[in-house]
Each structure stands twice: as C-alpha cells, then as structure tokens.
C-alpha cells in the first residue's frame, strides 16, 4: 500500500486473489480506524514504519 500499488497490482505481486487483497486492505483500515489508504500510510510512517534504513 505504501508503494502506491493498486489492489490488482498487490494481488499479482503476492499471488493472491483480488478479493483476498481487498479483504486484507479493508481489515487494515478498520483496525487502524482510518478511512483510506493515505491515512493508513501516514499513521504507519508516524509510528516509524516504512522509513528508509540508513
């Protein structure tokens, strides 16, 4: 998600069905209590996730 991949792109890259990816993304958004991907990404980055290693 943080790489701006669509659900279809994530599905192909991970070898999962599109429905599975949609379900996982939906679960992530619900657990983080955010309304969209950009909010989830912002929250994750604020928590120190997804930052480049030095």
PDB file of N, CA and C in Angstrom:
ATOM      1  N   UNK A   1       0.822  -1.193   0.000  1.00  0.00           N
ATOM      2  CA  UNK A   1       0.000   0.000   0.000  1.00  0.00           C
ATOM      3  C   UNK A   1       0.864   1.253   0.000  1.00  0.00           C
ATOM      4  N   UNK A   2       1.930   1.243   0.788  1.00  0.00           N
ATOM      5  CA  UNK A   2       2.769   2.433   0.885  1.00  0.00           C
ATOM      6  C   UNK A   2       3.508   2.713  -0.419  1.00  0.00           C
ATOM      7  N   UNK A   3       3.612   1.710  -1.276  1.00  0.00           N
ATOM      8  CA  UNK A   3       4.274   1.897  -2.574  1.00  0.00           C
ATOM      9  C   UNK A   3       3.299   2.368  -3.641  1.00  0.00           C
ATOM     10  N   UNK A   4       2.103   2.745  -3.228  1.00  0.00           N
ATOM     11  CA  UNK A   4       1.051   3.229  -4.127  1.00  0.00           C
ATOM     12  C   UNK A   4       0.607   2.187  -5.147  1.00  0.00           C
ATOM     13  N   UNK A   5       0.692   0.910  -4.776  1.00  0.00           N
ATOM     14  CA  UNK A   5       0.213  -0.151  -5.657  1.00  0.00           C
ATOM     15  C   UNK A   5      -1.293  -0.291  -5.500  1.00  0.00           C
ATOM     16  N   UNK A   6      -1.956  -0.596  -6.593  1.00  0.00           N
ATOM     17  CA  UNK A   6      -3.394  -0.852  -6.538  1.00  0.00           C
ATOM     18  C   UNK A   6      -3.624  -2.249  -5.965  1.00  0.00           C
ATOM     19  N   UNK A   7      -4.864  -2.533  -5.616  1.00  0.00           N
ATOM     20  CA  UNK A   7      -5.186  -3.879  -5.132  1.00  0.00           C
ATOM     21  C   UNK A   7      -4.828  -4.929  -6.176  1.00  0.00           C
ATOM     22  N   UNK A   8      -5.099  -4.631  -7.454  1.00  0.00           N
ATOM     23  CA  UNK A   8      -4.788  -5.584  -8.527  1.00  0.00           C
ATOM     24  C   UNK A   8      -3.284  -5.828  -8.626  1.00  0.00           C
ATOM     25  N   UNK A   9      -2.496  -4.771  -8.483  1.00  0.00           N
ATOM     26  CA  UNK A   9      -1.035  -4.920  -8.547  1.00  0.00           C
ATOM     27  C   UNK A   9      -0.515  -5.719  -7.356  1.00  0.00           C
ATOM     28  N   UNK A  10      -1.049  -5.453  -6.177  1.00  0.00           N
ATOM     29  CA  UNK A  10      -0.661  -6.207  -4.981  1.00  0.00           C
ATOM     30  C   UNK A  10      -1.039  -7.666  -5.159  1.00  0.00           C
ATOM     31  N   UNK A  11      -2.218  -7.913  -5.700  1.00  0.00           N
ATOM     32  CA  UNK A  11      -2.700  -9.271  -5.936  1.00  0.00           C
ATOM     33  C   UNK A  11      -1.739 -10.045  -6.829  1.00  0.00           C
ATOM     34  N   UNK A  12      -1.353  -9.441  -7.948  1.00  0.00           N
ATOM     35  CA  UNK A  12      -0.413 -10.104  -8.870  1.00  0.00           C
ATOM     36  C   UNK A  12       0.945 -10.325  -8.227  1.00  0.00           C
ATOM     37  N   UNK A  13       1.437  -9.308  -7.533  1.00  0.00           N
ATOM     38  CA  UNK A  13       2.775  -9.385  -6.940  1.00  0.00           C
ATOM     39  C   UNK A  13       2.857 -10.466  -5.858  1.00  0.00           C
ATOM     40  N   UNK A  14       1.784 -10.625  -5.070  1.00  0.00           N
ATOM     41  CA  UNK A  14       1.794 -11.587  -3.967  1.00  0.00           C
ATOM     42  C   UNK A  14       1.170 -12.929  -4.323  1.00  0.00           C
ATOM     43  N   UNK A  15       0.578 -13.021  -5.506  1.00  0.00           N
ATOM     44  CA  UNK A  15      -0.055 -14.263  -5.911  1.00  0.00           C
ATOM     45  C   UNK A  15      -1.325 -14.571  -5.131  1.00  0.00           C
ATOM     46  N   UNK A  16      -2.061 -13.529  -4.771  1.00  0.00           N
ATOM     47  CA  UNK A  16      -3.321 -13.676  -4.041  1.00  0.00           C
ATOM     48  C   UNK A  16      -4.463 -13.256  -4.942  1.00  0.00           C
ATOM     49  N   UNK A  17      -5.666 -13.682  -4.599  1.00  0.00           N
ATOM     50  CA  UNK A  17      -6.812 -13.219  -5.377  1.00  0.00           C
ATOM     51  C   UNK A  17      -7.083 -11.760  -5.034  1.00  0.00           C
ATOM     52  N   UNK A  18      -7.734 -11.080  -5.954  1.00  0.00           N
ATOM     53  CA  UNK A  18      -8.083  -9.681  -5.744  1.00  0.00           C
ATOM     54  C   UNK A  18      -8.993  -9.537  -4.526  1.00  0.00           C
ATOM     55  N   UNK A  19      -9.915 -10.477  -4.365  1.00  0.00           N
ATOM     56  CA  UNK A  19     -10.829 -10.434  -3.213  1.00  0.00           C
ATOM     57  C   UNK A  19     -10.061 -10.533  -1.892  1.00  0.00           C
ATOM     58  N   UNK A  20      -9.051 -11.397  -1.842  1.00  0.00           N
ATOM     59  CA  UNK A  20      -8.239 -11.544  -0.626  1.00  0.00           C
ATOM     60  C   UNK A  20      -7.527 -10.233  -0.303  1.00  0.00           C
ATOM     61  N   UNK A  21      -6.947  -9.607  -1.302  1.00  0.00           N
ATOM     62  CA  UNK A  21      -6.246  -8.333  -1.084  1.00  0.00           C
ATOM     63  C   UNK A  21      -7.230  -7.272  -0.599  1.00  0.00           C
ATOM     64  N   UNK A  22      -8.404  -7.195  -1.239  1.00  0.00           N
ATOM     65  CA  UNK A  22      -9.416  -6.220  -0.805  1.00  0.00           C
ATOM     66  C   UNK A  22      -9.799  -6.444   0.651  1.00  0.00           C
ATOM     67  N   UNK A  23      -9.985  -7.713   1.022  1.00  0.00           N
ATOM     68  CA  UNK A  23     -10.340  -8.027   2.405  1.00  0.00           C
ATOM     69  C   UNK A  23      -9.240  -7.601   3.375  1.00  0.00           C
ATOM     70  N   UNK A  24      -7.996  -7.882   3.027  1.00  0.00           N
ATOM     71  CA  UNK A  24      -6.877  -7.516   3.909  1.00  0.00           C
ATOM     72  C   UNK A  24      -6.759  -6.000   4.044  1.00  0.00           C
ATOM     73  N   UNK A  25      -6.874  -5.288   2.933  1.00  0.00           N
ATOM     74  CA  UNK A  25      -6.790  -3.822   2.978  1.00  0.00           C
ATOM     75  C   UNK A  25      -7.923  -3.274   3.842  1.00  0.00           C
ATOM     76  N   UNK A  26      -9.117  -3.791   3.653  1.00  0.00           N
ATOM     77  CA  UNK A  26     -10.267  -3.352   4.449  1.00  0.00           C
ATOM     78  C   UNK A  26     -10.036  -3.617   5.935  1.00  0.00           C
ATOM     79  N   UNK A  27      -9.513  -4.792   6.262  1.00  0.00           N
ATOM     80  CA  UNK A  27      -9.219  -5.119   7.663  1.00  0.00           C
ATOM     81  C   UNK A  27      -8.177  -4.187   8.253  1.00  0.00           C
ATOM     82  N   UNK A  28      -7.150  -3.871   7.478  1.00  0.00           N
ATOM     83  CA  UNK A  28      -6.107  -2.944   7.942  1.00  0.00           C
ATOM     84  C   UNK A  28      -6.719  -1.580   8.252  1.00  0.00           C
ATOM     85  N   UNK A  29      -7.528  -1.063   7.328  1.00  0.00           N
ATOM     86  CA  UNK A  29      -8.150   0.247   7.532  1.00  0.00           C
ATOM     87  C   UNK A  29      -9.054   0.241   8.754  1.00  0.00           C
ATOM     88  N   UNK A  30      -9.826  -0.827   8.929  1.00  0.00           N
ATOM     89  CA  UNK A  30     -10.710  -0.925  10.093  1.00  0.00           C
ATOM     90  C   UNK A  30      -9.929  -0.983  11.395  1.00  0.00           C
ATOM     91  N   UNK A  31      -8.886  -1.782  11.436  1.00  0.00           N
ATOM     92  CA  UNK A  31      -8.102  -1.918  12.674  1.00  0.00           C
ATOM     93  C   UNK A  31      -7.385  -0.626  13.035  1.00  0.00           C
ATOM     94  N   UNK A  32      -6.954   0.119  12.013  1.00  0.00           N
ATOM     95  CA  UNK A  32      -6.286   1.398  12.276  1.00  0.00           C
ATOM     96  C   UNK A  32      -7.283   2.530  12.492  1.00  0.00           C
ATOM     97  N   UNK A  33      -8.552   2.245  12.264  1.00  0.00           N
ATOM     98  CA  UNK A  33      -9.626   3.237  12.397  1.00  0.00           C
ATOM     99  C   UNK A  33      -9.371   4.454  11.514  1.00  0.00           C
ATOM    100  N   UNK A  34      -9.053   4.181  10.247  1.00  0.00           N
ATOM    101  CA  UNK A  34      -8.854   5.238   9.262  1.00  0.00           C
ATOM    102  C   UNK A  34      -9.811   4.982   8.097  1.00  0.00           C
ATOM    103  N   UNK A  35     -10.022   6.005   7.270  1.00  0.00           N
ATOM    104  CA  UNK A  35     -10.998   5.873   6.184  1.00  0.00           C
ATOM    105  C   UNK A  35     -10.390   5.547   4.826  1.00  0.00           C
ATOM    106  N   UNK A  36      -9.075   5.774   4.670  1.00  0.00           N
ATOM    107  CA  UNK A  36      -8.481   5.464   3.381  1.00  0.00           C
ATOM    108  C   UNK A  36      -7.001   5.103   3.521  1.00  0.00           C
ATOM    109  N   UNK A  37      -6.421   4.680   2.396  1.00  0.00           N
ATOM    110  CA  UNK A  37      -5.029   4.223   2.375  1.00  0.00           C
ATOM    111  C   UNK A  37      -4.053   5.318   2.799  1.00  0.00           C
ATOM    112  N   UNK A  38      -4.306   6.540   2.348  1.00  0.00           N
ATOM    113  CA  UNK A  38      -3.362   7.618   2.664  1.00  0.00           C
ATOM    114  C   UNK A  38      -3.280   7.863   4.166  1.00  0.00           C
ATOM    115  N   UNK A  39      -4.411   7.771   4.847  1.00  0.00           N
ATOM    116  CA  UNK A  39      -4.399   7.914   6.308  1.00  0.00           C
ATOM    117  C   UNK A  39      -3.638   6.763   6.960  1.00  0.00           C
ATOM    118  N   UNK A  40      -3.831   5.559   6.451  1.00  0.00           N
ATOM    119  CA  UNK A  40      -3.140   4.382   6.998  1.00  0.00           C
ATOM    120  C   UNK A  40      -1.636   4.520   6.813  1.00  0.00           C
ATOM    121  N   UNK A  41      -1.224   4.989   5.640  1.00  0.00           N
ATOM    122  CA  UNK A  41       0.201   5.166   5.355  1.00  0.00           C
ATOM    123  C   UNK A  41       0.790   6.237   6.269  1.00  0.00           C
ATOM    124  N   UNK A  42       0.081   7.344   6.427  1.00  0.00           N
ATOM    125  CA  UNK A  42       0.543   8.418   7.301  1.00  0.00           C
ATOM    126  C   UNK A  42       0.700   7.922   8.736  1.00  0.00           C
ATOM    127  N   UNK A  43      -0.282   7.189   9.216  1.00  0.00           N
ATOM    128  CA  UNK A  43      -0.239   6.650  10.573  1.00  0.00           C
ATOM    129  C   UNK A  43       0.942   5.696  10.749  1.00  0.00           C
ATOM    130  N   UNK A  44       1.165   4.838   9.765  1.00  0.00           N
ATOM    131  CA  UNK A  44       2.285   3.894   9.830  1.00  0.00           C
ATOM    132  C   UNK A  44       3.623   4.622   9.832  1.00  0.00           C
ATOM    133  N   UNK A  45       3.753   5.641   8.999  1.00  0.00           N
ATOM    134  CA  UNK A  45       5.012   6.399   8.946  1.00  0.00           C
ATOM    135  C   UNK A  45       5.256   7.164  10.241  1.00  0.00           C
ATOM    136  N   UNK A  46       4.191   7.694  10.822  1.00  0.00           N
ATOM    137  CA  UNK A  46       4.329   8.390  12.111  1.00  0.00           C
ATOM    138  C   UNK A  46       4.777   7.422  13.198  1.00  0.00           C
ATOM    139  N   UNK A  47       4.436   6.145  13.052  1.00  0.00           N
ATOM    140  CA  UNK A  47       4.830   5.115  14.019  1.00  0.00           C
ATOM    141  C   UNK A  47       6.234   4.565  13.708  1.00  0.00           C
ATOM    142  N   UNK A  48       6.888   5.108  12.653  1.00  0.00           N
ATOM    143  CA  UNK A  48       8.241   4.687  12.326  1.00  0.00           C
ATOM    144  C   UNK A  48       8.309   3.521  11.364  1.00  0.00           C
ATOM    145  N   UNK A  49       7.185   3.143  10.776  1.00  0.00           N
ATOM    146  CA  UNK A  49       7.195   2.039   9.809  1.00  0.00           C
ATOM    147  C   UNK A  49       7.390   2.579   8.400  1.00  0.00           C
ATOM    148  N   UNK A  50       8.042   1.808   7.577  1.00  0.00           N
ATOM    149  CA  UNK A  50       8.190   2.165   6.176  1.00  0.00           C
ATOM    150  C   UNK A  50       9.201   3.240   5.902  1.00  0.00           C
ATOM    151  N   UNK A  51       9.987   3.580   6.890  1.00  0.00           N
ATOM    152  CA  UNK A  51      11.004   4.599   6.684  1.00  0.00           C
ATOM    153  C   UNK A  51      12.264   3.940   6.136  1.00  0.00           C
ATOM    154  N   UNK A  52      12.982   4.627   5.253  1.00  0.00           N
ATOM    155  CA  UNK A  52      14.216   4.060   4.711  1.00  0.00           C
ATOM    156  C   UNK A  52      15.261   3.832   5.792  1.00  0.00           C
ATOM    157  N   UNK A  53      15.984   2.745   5.638  1.00  0.00           N
ATOM    158  CA  UNK A  53      17.068   2.445   6.598  1.00  0.00           C
ATOM    159  C   UNK A  53      18.323   3.183   6.209  1.00  0.00           C
ATOM    160  N   UNK A  54      19.073   3.601   7.206  1.00  0.00           N
ATOM    161  CA  UNK A  54      20.327   4.304   6.923  1.00  0.00           C
ATOM    162  C   UNK A  54      21.493   3.400   7.153  1.00  0.00           C
TER     163      UNK A  54
END
